Amino acid sequence: IYQSGSRLGCMDFGGDIYISGCREGYFSCGDVYKGGSRVGYISNEDLYVDGSRVGYVSSSGDMFVDGCRVGELDDGGDVYVQGCRWGNIQGSLDDLEKKMYMFAFLYCFTDALR
């Protein structure tokens, strides 16, 4: 995952999340773990954190937080937040499951959607 041309970190879909070389968390069967604790989960196109639904991704890649559209994930791997290109992902985001994991990553492990 690249932000502003610099490599922020990496995640494998359904696996570990590294930021600046450190393992920050992981995904397991739709659950989101950060620092060893379960902080949320993915259910279909919805993301729940601390028991509350915080947002969702549409099939077209539009990201919504608290009912407001905050950005989009395109199939080519580009990430847009508040109308600006936030960064990109090596590889495509061509299905909703990948987009949901990326949305959860952006919400839980960066300040992009806060």
N, C-alpha and C. Protein backbone atom coordinates (compact mmCIF):
# COMPACT_ATOMS: atom_id res chain seq x y z
N ILE A 1 0.85 -1.17 0.00
CA ILE A 1 0.00 0.00 0.00
C ILE A 1 0.89 1.23 0.00
N TYR A 2 0.63 2.11 -0.93
CA TYR A 2 1.44 3.32 -1.08
C TYR A 2 0.61 4.55 -0.79
N GLN A 3 1.20 5.50 -0.06
CA GLN A 3 0.55 6.78 0.21
C GLN A 3 1.51 7.88 -0.19
N SER A 4 1.02 8.75 -1.09
CA SER A 4 1.84 9.87 -1.59
C SER A 4 3.18 9.39 -2.13
N GLY A 5 3.17 8.25 -2.79
CA GLY A 5 4.37 7.73 -3.43
C GLY A 5 5.28 6.92 -2.52
N SER A 6 5.02 6.95 -1.22
CA SER A 6 5.84 6.19 -0.26
C SER A 6 5.10 4.93 0.18
N ARG A 7 5.87 3.88 0.42
CA ARG A 7 5.26 2.61 0.82
C ARG A 7 4.86 2.72 2.29
N LEU A 8 3.56 2.70 2.53
CA LEU A 8 3.03 2.81 3.89
C LEU A 8 3.14 1.47 4.62
N GLY A 9 2.80 0.40 3.92
CA GLY A 9 2.81 -0.91 4.54
C GLY A 9 2.24 -1.93 3.60
N CYS A 10 1.85 -3.05 4.13
CA CYS A 10 1.27 -4.08 3.28
C CYS A 10 0.24 -4.88 4.05
N MET A 11 -0.66 -5.45 3.31
CA MET A 11 -1.62 -6.39 3.88
C MET A 11 -1.90 -7.42 2.81
N ASP A 12 -2.02 -8.66 3.24
CA ASP A 12 -2.52 -9.64 2.29
C ASP A 12 -3.96 -9.91 2.66
N PHE A 13 -4.79 -9.97 1.64
CA PHE A 13 -6.22 -10.08 1.88
C PHE A 13 -6.51 -11.38 2.62
N GLY A 14 -7.04 -11.22 3.84
CA GLY A 14 -7.27 -12.37 4.69
C GLY A 14 -6.06 -12.70 5.54
N GLY A 15 -5.14 -11.74 5.75
CA GLY A 15 -3.95 -12.05 6.51
C GLY A 15 -3.43 -10.91 7.34
N ASP A 16 -2.12 -10.79 7.37
CA ASP A 16 -1.46 -9.86 8.27
C ASP A 16 -1.37 -8.45 7.71
N ILE A 17 -1.30 -7.49 8.62
CA ILE A 17 -1.21 -6.08 8.28
C ILE A 17 0.08 -5.53 8.86
N TYR A 18 0.92 -4.99 7.99
CA TYR A 18 2.18 -4.39 8.42
C TYR A 18 2.19 -2.92 8.05
N ILE A 19 2.62 -2.06 8.98
CA ILE A 19 2.80 -0.64 8.69
C ILE A 19 4.21 -0.28 9.14
N SER A 20 4.95 0.31 8.21
CA SER A 20 6.35 0.68 8.48
C SER A 20 7.15 -0.48 9.05
N GLY A 21 6.87 -1.68 8.52
CA GLY A 21 7.65 -2.85 8.91
C GLY A 21 7.18 -3.56 10.16
N CYS A 22 6.22 -2.97 10.87
CA CYS A 22 5.73 -3.59 12.11
C CYS A 22 4.36 -4.22 11.88
N ARG A 23 4.15 -5.37 12.47
CA ARG A 23 2.86 -6.05 12.36
C ARG A 23 1.87 -5.36 13.29
N GLU A 24 0.90 -4.69 12.71
CA GLU A 24 -0.06 -3.91 13.49
C GLU A 24 -1.33 -4.68 13.82
N GLY A 25 -1.61 -5.69 13.01
CA GLY A 25 -2.84 -6.43 13.23
C GLY A 25 -3.06 -7.46 12.14
N TYR A 26 -4.26 -8.00 12.11
CA TYR A 26 -4.56 -9.00 11.10
C TYR A 26 -6.06 -9.17 10.94
N PHE A 27 -6.44 -9.75 9.83
CA PHE A 27 -7.82 -10.13 9.56
C PHE A 27 -7.94 -11.64 9.70
N SER A 28 -9.04 -12.08 10.28
CA SER A 28 -9.30 -13.51 10.40
C SER A 28 -10.79 -13.76 10.27
N CYS A 29 -11.18 -14.40 9.20
CA CYS A 29 -12.59 -14.76 8.97
C CYS A 29 -13.53 -13.57 9.14
N GLY A 30 -13.11 -12.42 8.62
CA GLY A 30 -13.95 -11.23 8.69
C GLY A 30 -13.75 -10.41 9.94
N ASP A 31 -13.08 -10.97 10.95
CA ASP A 31 -12.79 -10.20 12.16
C ASP A 31 -11.53 -9.36 11.96
N VAL A 32 -11.53 -8.17 12.59
CA VAL A 32 -10.40 -7.26 12.50
C VAL A 32 -9.70 -7.23 13.86
N TYR A 33 -8.43 -7.58 13.86
CA TYR A 33 -7.64 -7.57 15.09
C TYR A 33 -6.57 -6.49 14.99
N LYS A 34 -6.43 -5.71 16.06
CA LYS A 34 -5.42 -4.66 16.12
C LYS A 34 -4.68 -4.82 17.45
N GLY A 35 -3.38 -4.99 17.34
CA GLY A 35 -2.58 -5.16 18.54
C GLY A 35 -2.99 -6.36 19.37
N GLY A 36 -3.52 -7.40 18.71
CA GLY A 36 -3.90 -8.62 19.41
C GLY A 36 -5.33 -8.65 19.90
N SER A 37 -6.03 -7.51 19.83
CA SER A 37 -7.41 -7.44 20.30
C SER A 37 -8.37 -7.32 19.11
N ARG A 38 -9.53 -7.94 19.23
CA ARG A 38 -10.55 -7.84 18.19
C ARG A 38 -11.23 -6.49 18.31
N VAL A 39 -11.10 -5.66 17.28
CA VAL A 39 -11.67 -4.32 17.33
C VAL A 39 -12.93 -4.19 16.48
N GLY A 40 -13.16 -5.14 15.60
CA GLY A 40 -14.32 -5.03 14.75
C GLY A 40 -14.46 -6.22 13.84
N TYR A 41 -15.43 -6.12 12.96
CA TYR A 41 -15.65 -7.20 12.00
C TYR A 41 -16.36 -6.70 10.76
N ILE A 42 -16.21 -7.47 9.71
CA ILE A 42 -16.85 -7.19 8.43
C ILE A 42 -18.02 -8.15 8.25
N SER A 43 -19.16 -7.59 7.91
CA SER A 43 -20.34 -8.41 7.64
C SER A 43 -20.93 -7.95 6.32
N ASN A 44 -20.81 -8.80 5.31
CA ASN A 44 -21.21 -8.41 3.96
C ASN A 44 -20.47 -7.15 3.55
N GLU A 45 -21.20 -6.03 3.29
CA GLU A 45 -20.50 -4.81 2.88
C GLU A 45 -20.37 -3.82 4.03
N ASP A 46 -20.71 -4.24 5.25
CA ASP A 46 -20.68 -3.34 6.40
C ASP A 46 -19.46 -3.58 7.27
N LEU A 47 -18.99 -2.51 7.91
CA LEU A 47 -17.90 -2.60 8.88
C LEU A 47 -18.42 -2.19 10.25
N TYR A 48 -18.21 -3.06 11.23
CA TYR A 48 -18.57 -2.78 12.60
C TYR A 48 -17.30 -2.63 13.43
N VAL A 49 -17.25 -1.58 14.25
CA VAL A 49 -16.12 -1.35 15.16
C VAL A 49 -16.70 -1.08 16.54
N ASP A 50 -16.17 -1.79 17.53
CA ASP A 50 -16.66 -1.66 18.91
C ASP A 50 -18.17 -1.84 18.99
N GLY A 51 -18.69 -2.77 18.16
CA GLY A 51 -20.11 -3.11 18.22
C GLY A 51 -21.03 -2.22 17.42
N SER A 52 -20.54 -1.13 16.88
CA SER A 52 -21.38 -0.21 16.11
C SER A 52 -21.01 -0.24 14.64
N ARG A 53 -22.03 -0.11 13.79
CA ARG A 53 -21.81 -0.05 12.35
C ARG A 53 -21.24 1.33 12.02
N VAL A 54 -20.03 1.36 11.51
CA VAL A 54 -19.39 2.65 11.23
C VAL A 54 -19.47 3.03 9.76
N GLY A 55 -19.63 2.05 8.88
CA GLY A 55 -19.68 2.40 7.48
C GLY A 55 -19.82 1.20 6.59
N TYR A 56 -19.81 1.47 5.31
CA TYR A 56 -19.95 0.39 4.34
C TYR A 56 -19.35 0.80 3.01
N VAL A 57 -19.18 -0.19 2.15
CA VAL A 57 -18.67 0.02 0.80
C VAL A 57 -19.73 -0.49 -0.18
N SER A 58 -20.01 0.32 -1.19
CA SER A 58 -20.94 -0.13 -2.22
C SER A 58 -20.20 -1.03 -3.21
N SER A 59 -20.95 -1.74 -4.01
CA SER A 59 -20.33 -2.65 -4.98
C SER A 59 -19.47 -1.90 -5.98
N SER A 60 -19.77 -0.62 -6.20
CA SER A 60 -18.97 0.18 -7.14
C SER A 60 -17.71 0.74 -6.49
N GLY A 61 -17.57 0.56 -5.17
CA GLY A 61 -16.36 1.01 -4.49
C GLY A 61 -16.50 2.32 -3.74
N ASP A 62 -17.71 2.86 -3.67
CA ASP A 62 -17.92 4.08 -2.88
C ASP A 62 -17.87 3.73 -1.39
N MET A 63 -17.14 4.53 -0.61
CA MET A 63 -17.00 4.30 0.82
C MET A 63 -17.86 5.30 1.58
N PHE A 64 -18.62 4.81 2.54
CA PHE A 64 -19.48 5.64 3.36
C PHE A 64 -19.13 5.43 4.83
N VAL A 65 -18.99 6.54 5.57
CA VAL A 65 -18.78 6.50 7.01
C VAL A 65 -19.84 7.39 7.65
N ASP A 66 -20.55 6.83 8.62
CA ASP A 66 -21.62 7.57 9.30
C ASP A 66 -22.60 8.18 8.31
N GLY A 67 -22.88 7.45 7.24
CA GLY A 67 -23.87 7.89 6.27
C GLY A 67 -23.37 8.85 5.22
N CYS A 68 -22.14 9.32 5.35
CA CYS A 68 -21.59 10.27 4.37
C CYS A 68 -20.57 9.57 3.47
N ARG A 69 -20.60 9.91 2.20
CA ARG A 69 -19.62 9.36 1.26
C ARG A 69 -18.28 10.02 1.50
N VAL A 70 -17.28 9.23 1.84
CA VAL A 70 -15.97 9.78 2.18
C VAL A 70 -14.92 9.52 1.12
N GLY A 71 -15.21 8.62 0.18
CA GLY A 71 -14.21 8.35 -0.83
C GLY A 71 -14.59 7.17 -1.69
N GLU A 72 -13.60 6.68 -2.45
CA GLU A 72 -13.86 5.54 -3.31
C GLU A 72 -12.60 4.71 -3.51
N LEU A 73 -12.83 3.46 -3.80
CA LEU A 73 -11.77 2.52 -4.15
C LEU A 73 -12.06 2.07 -5.57
N ASP A 74 -11.14 2.35 -6.50
CA ASP A 74 -11.42 1.89 -7.86
C ASP A 74 -10.76 0.55 -8.13
N ASP A 75 -11.22 -0.09 -9.18
CA ASP A 75 -10.76 -1.45 -9.47
C ASP A 75 -9.26 -1.51 -9.77
N GLY A 76 -8.69 -0.39 -10.20
CA GLY A 76 -7.26 -0.35 -10.51
C GLY A 76 -6.37 -0.22 -9.30
N GLY A 77 -6.98 -0.10 -8.10
CA GLY A 77 -6.18 -0.02 -6.88
C GLY A 77 -5.94 1.38 -6.36
N ASP A 78 -6.53 2.39 -7.00
CA ASP A 78 -6.38 3.76 -6.50
C ASP A 78 -7.40 4.03 -5.40
N VAL A 79 -6.96 4.77 -4.38
CA VAL A 79 -7.79 5.10 -3.24
C VAL A 79 -8.00 6.62 -3.21
N TYR A 80 -9.25 7.04 -3.21
CA TYR A 80 -9.58 8.46 -3.13
C TYR A 80 -10.32 8.72 -1.82
N VAL A 81 -9.90 9.77 -1.11
CA VAL A 81 -10.56 10.17 0.13
C VAL A 81 -10.86 11.65 0.04
N GLN A 82 -12.13 12.02 0.30
CA GLN A 82 -12.58 13.42 0.23
C GLN A 82 -12.20 14.06 -1.11
N GLY A 83 -12.28 13.28 -2.18
CA GLY A 83 -12.04 13.82 -3.51
C GLY A 83 -10.58 13.85 -3.94
N CYS A 84 -9.67 13.57 -3.02
CA CYS A 84 -8.25 13.59 -3.34
C CYS A 84 -7.69 12.16 -3.38
N ARG A 85 -6.74 11.96 -4.26
CA ARG A 85 -6.12 10.63 -4.35
C ARG A 85 -5.24 10.42 -3.13
N TRP A 86 -5.62 9.48 -2.30
CA TRP A 86 -4.91 9.20 -1.04
C TRP A 86 -3.68 8.35 -1.28
N GLY A 87 -3.80 7.40 -2.19
CA GLY A 87 -2.70 6.49 -2.46
C GLY A 87 -3.16 5.37 -3.38
N ASN A 88 -2.38 4.33 -3.42
CA ASN A 88 -2.76 3.22 -4.29
C ASN A 88 -2.25 1.90 -3.73
N ILE A 89 -2.83 0.85 -4.28
CA ILE A 89 -2.51 -0.50 -3.86
C ILE A 89 -1.94 -1.25 -5.05
N GLN A 90 -0.86 -1.95 -4.82
CA GLN A 90 -0.34 -2.79 -5.90
C GLN A 90 -1.30 -3.95 -6.09
N GLY A 91 -1.82 -4.04 -7.29
CA GLY A 91 -2.83 -5.06 -7.55
C GLY A 91 -4.21 -4.43 -7.60
N SER A 92 -5.14 -5.12 -8.16
CA SER A 92 -6.47 -4.55 -8.38
C SER A 92 -7.39 -4.82 -7.19
N LEU A 93 -8.42 -3.99 -7.11
CA LEU A 93 -9.49 -4.17 -6.12
C LEU A 93 -10.76 -4.48 -6.90
N ASP A 94 -10.80 -5.65 -7.49
CA ASP A 94 -11.86 -5.93 -8.45
C ASP A 94 -13.03 -6.72 -7.89
N ASP A 95 -13.08 -6.91 -6.56
CA ASP A 95 -14.29 -7.50 -6.01
C ASP A 95 -14.59 -6.87 -4.66
N LEU A 96 -15.83 -7.01 -4.23
CA LEU A 96 -16.30 -6.30 -3.04
C LEU A 96 -15.56 -6.76 -1.78
N GLU A 97 -15.20 -8.04 -1.72
CA GLU A 97 -14.50 -8.53 -0.53
C GLU A 97 -13.16 -7.81 -0.35
N LYS A 98 -12.41 -7.66 -1.44
CA LYS A 98 -11.14 -6.94 -1.36
C LYS A 98 -11.37 -5.49 -0.95
N LYS A 99 -12.41 -4.88 -1.50
CA LYS A 99 -12.70 -3.49 -1.16
C LYS A 99 -13.08 -3.36 0.32
N MET A 100 -13.80 -4.34 0.83
CA MET A 100 -14.19 -4.29 2.25
C MET A 100 -12.96 -4.40 3.15
N TYR A 101 -12.02 -5.29 2.82
CA TYR A 101 -10.81 -5.39 3.62
C TYR A 101 -10.00 -4.09 3.55
N MET A 102 -9.95 -3.49 2.38
CA MET A 102 -9.22 -2.24 2.25
C MET A 102 -9.91 -1.13 3.04
N PHE A 103 -11.22 -1.09 3.01
CA PHE A 103 -11.99 -0.11 3.78
C PHE A 103 -11.72 -0.28 5.27
N ALA A 104 -11.74 -1.52 5.74
CA ALA A 104 -11.46 -1.78 7.16
C ALA A 104 -10.04 -1.37 7.52
N PHE A 105 -9.10 -1.64 6.60
CA PHE A 105 -7.71 -1.22 6.83
C PHE A 105 -7.63 0.30 6.97
N LEU A 106 -8.25 1.02 6.03
CA LEU A 106 -8.20 2.49 6.05
C LEU A 106 -8.82 3.03 7.32
N TYR A 107 -9.91 2.41 7.75
CA TYR A 107 -10.62 2.93 8.93
C TYR A 107 -9.88 2.60 10.22
N CYS A 108 -9.41 1.38 10.35
CA CYS A 108 -8.87 0.91 11.63
C CYS A 108 -7.38 1.18 11.80
N PHE A 109 -6.63 1.28 10.70
CA PHE A 109 -5.18 1.34 10.83
C PHE A 109 -4.56 2.63 10.30
N THR A 110 -5.35 3.52 9.74
CA THR A 110 -4.83 4.83 9.32
C THR A 110 -5.82 5.88 9.78
N ASP A 111 -5.47 7.14 9.61
CA ASP A 111 -6.38 8.24 9.96
C ASP A 111 -7.16 8.72 8.73
N ALA A 112 -7.09 7.97 7.64
CA ALA A 112 -7.64 8.46 6.38
C ALA A 112 -9.14 8.77 6.48
N LEU A 113 -9.90 7.92 7.16
CA LEU A 113 -11.36 8.08 7.16
C LEU A 113 -11.90 8.67 8.45
N ARG A 114 -11.01 9.14 9.32
CA ARG A 114 -11.47 9.68 10.62
C ARG A 114 -11.84 11.15 10.49
